[in-house]
């Protein structure tokens, strides 16, 4: 569950072509199912407001339930959940090789070897 400090609420513009009508309708249905009302918009108004040029035949609505995730807060929360579950974080630990061993896995790098029952590698941004 995303905490309030991890998300900045912000409407999302959903726009597509007539050929994508079933997809756009499914997205709008999901927004309704989550308790919000999709705010359908005329593509001409969208083009004027945002200085873009979608075809007049486009379908568009604003999703008021959307938001922008604050990546730094989300990563910190995920790392804490990992630690709470018994995980060990090793930041900036270059990996040269990962080898399966009887007891699990061995991760090798210039700073040494780490043995673990399992491993999660997050290789950069």
Protein backbone atom coordinates (compact mmCIF):
# COMPACT_ATOMS: atom_id res chain seq x y z
CA UNK A 1 0.00 0.00 0.00
CA UNK A 2 1.34 3.41 -0.95
CA UNK A 3 1.59 5.83 1.97
CA UNK A 4 0.46 9.43 1.71
CA UNK A 5 4.07 10.73 1.85
CA UNK A 6 5.01 8.53 -1.13
CA UNK A 7 2.41 9.86 -3.56
CA UNK A 8 1.55 13.34 -4.73
CA UNK A 9 -2.03 13.26 -6.07
CA UNK A 10 -2.23 14.61 -9.60
CA UNK A 11 -4.75 14.07 -12.38
CA UNK A 12 -3.69 11.94 -15.34
CA UNK A 13 -4.68 12.66 -18.94
CA UNK A 14 -5.72 9.45 -20.68
CA UNK A 15 -5.94 9.89 -24.44
CA UNK A 16 -6.12 7.55 -27.40
CA UNK A 17 -7.44 6.98 -30.87
CA UNK A 18 -10.89 5.70 -31.86
CA UNK A 19 -9.20 2.37 -32.61
CA UNK A 20 -8.24 2.20 -28.93
CA UNK A 21 -11.79 2.87 -27.72
CA UNK A 22 -12.18 -0.48 -25.95
CA UNK A 23 -8.90 0.07 -24.05
CA UNK A 24 -9.82 3.67 -23.12
CA UNK A 25 -13.25 2.47 -21.96
CA UNK A 26 -11.66 -0.27 -19.81
CA UNK A 27 -9.34 2.27 -18.19
CA UNK A 28 -12.31 4.59 -17.50
CA UNK A 29 -14.23 1.62 -16.06
CA UNK A 30 -11.33 0.86 -13.71
CA UNK A 31 -11.28 4.49 -12.54
CA UNK A 32 -15.04 4.23 -11.83
CA UNK A 33 -14.56 0.89 -10.04
CA UNK A 34 -12.02 2.58 -7.75
CA UNK A 35 -14.61 5.18 -6.76
CA UNK A 36 -13.65 8.12 -8.96
CA UNK A 37 -15.38 9.67 -11.95
CA UNK A 38 -13.47 9.93 -15.23
CA UNK A 39 -13.78 13.49 -16.52
CA UNK A 40 -14.26 13.14 -20.29
CA UNK A 41 -12.79 15.97 -22.34
CA UNK A 42 -13.02 17.25 -25.87
CA UNK A 43 -9.67 16.77 -27.68
CA UNK A 44 -9.91 20.35 -29.00
CA UNK A 45 -9.99 21.62 -25.40
CA UNK A 46 -7.06 19.35 -24.48
CA UNK A 47 -5.07 20.64 -27.47
CA UNK A 48 -5.73 24.25 -26.46
CA UNK A 49 -5.02 23.74 -22.76
CA UNK A 50 -1.76 21.79 -23.21
CA UNK A 51 -0.64 23.26 -26.56
CA UNK A 52 -0.50 19.86 -28.23
CA UNK A 53 -2.10 18.53 -31.39
CA UNK A 54 -4.10 15.35 -30.93
CA UNK A 55 -6.55 14.54 -33.74
CA UNK A 56 -10.11 15.77 -33.20
CA UNK A 57 -11.24 12.13 -33.34
CA UNK A 58 -9.23 11.27 -30.19
CA UNK A 59 -10.88 10.08 -26.98
CA UNK A 60 -9.72 11.75 -23.79
CA UNK A 61 -10.48 11.88 -20.09
CA UNK A 62 -8.83 13.05 -16.90
CA UNK A 63 -8.31 10.44 -14.18
CA UNK A 64 -8.60 12.29 -10.84
CA UNK A 65 -7.37 9.25 -8.89
CA UNK A 66 -3.86 9.28 -10.34
CA UNK A 67 -0.69 10.63 -8.82
CA UNK A 68 3.06 10.92 -9.00
CA UNK A 69 5.07 8.46 -6.95
CA UNK A 70 7.99 9.94 -5.04
CA UNK A 71 10.66 7.45 -6.06
CA UNK A 72 13.06 8.22 -3.20
CA UNK A 73 10.36 7.63 -0.57
CA UNK A 74 9.16 4.44 -2.31
CA UNK A 75 12.68 3.00 -2.54
CA UNK A 76 13.34 3.79 1.13
CA UNK A 77 10.08 2.08 2.16
CA UNK A 78 10.85 -0.97 0.01
CA UNK A 79 14.33 -1.24 1.49
CA UNK A 80 12.87 -1.10 5.00
CA UNK A 81 10.36 -3.84 4.18
CA UNK A 82 13.26 -5.92 2.82
CA UNK A 83 15.28 -5.40 6.02
CA UNK A 84 12.24 -6.18 8.18
CA UNK A 85 11.90 -9.49 6.33
CA UNK A 86 15.50 -10.36 7.18
CA UNK A 87 17.18 -9.08 4.03
CA UNK A 88 20.61 -7.47 3.94
CA UNK A 89 21.27 -4.48 1.67
CA UNK A 90 24.65 -4.05 0.05
CA UNK A 91 24.67 -0.74 -1.82
CA UNK A 92 27.31 0.02 -4.44
CA UNK A 93 28.55 -3.56 -4.38
CA UNK A 94 29.75 -4.42 -7.88
CA UNK A 95 28.79 -7.94 -8.94
CA UNK A 96 31.11 -9.88 -11.21
CA UNK A 97 29.48 -13.30 -10.97
CA UNK A 98 26.50 -15.12 -9.44
CA UNK A 99 26.97 -18.84 -8.88
CA UNK A 100 24.44 -21.41 -7.72
CA UNK A 101 25.74 -23.44 -4.77
CA UNK A 102 24.20 -26.21 -2.66
CA UNK A 103 23.04 -23.81 0.05
CA UNK A 104 21.64 -21.20 -2.37
CA UNK A 105 23.73 -18.66 -4.22
CA UNK A 106 27.14 -17.08 -4.11
CA UNK A 107 27.64 -13.48 -5.28
CA UNK A 108 31.19 -12.56 -6.21
CA UNK A 109 32.71 -9.14 -6.69
CA UNK A 110 35.84 -7.08 -6.07
CA UNK A 111 34.84 -6.64 -2.42
CA UNK A 112 34.57 -10.38 -1.81
CA UNK A 113 32.07 -13.21 -1.84
CA UNK A 114 28.64 -13.32 -0.22
CA UNK A 115 26.66 -16.53 0.29
CA UNK A 116 22.91 -16.42 0.74
CA UNK A 117 19.84 -18.60 0.42
CA UNK A 118 18.58 -16.26 -2.28
CA UNK A 119 19.54 -12.92 -3.77
CA UNK A 120 17.84 -9.89 -5.33
CA UNK A 121 20.05 -7.89 -7.69
CA UNK A 122 19.08 -4.31 -8.49
CA UNK A 123 21.51 -3.19 -11.12
CA UNK A 124 21.32 0.56 -11.18
CA UNK A 125 18.68 3.21 -11.82
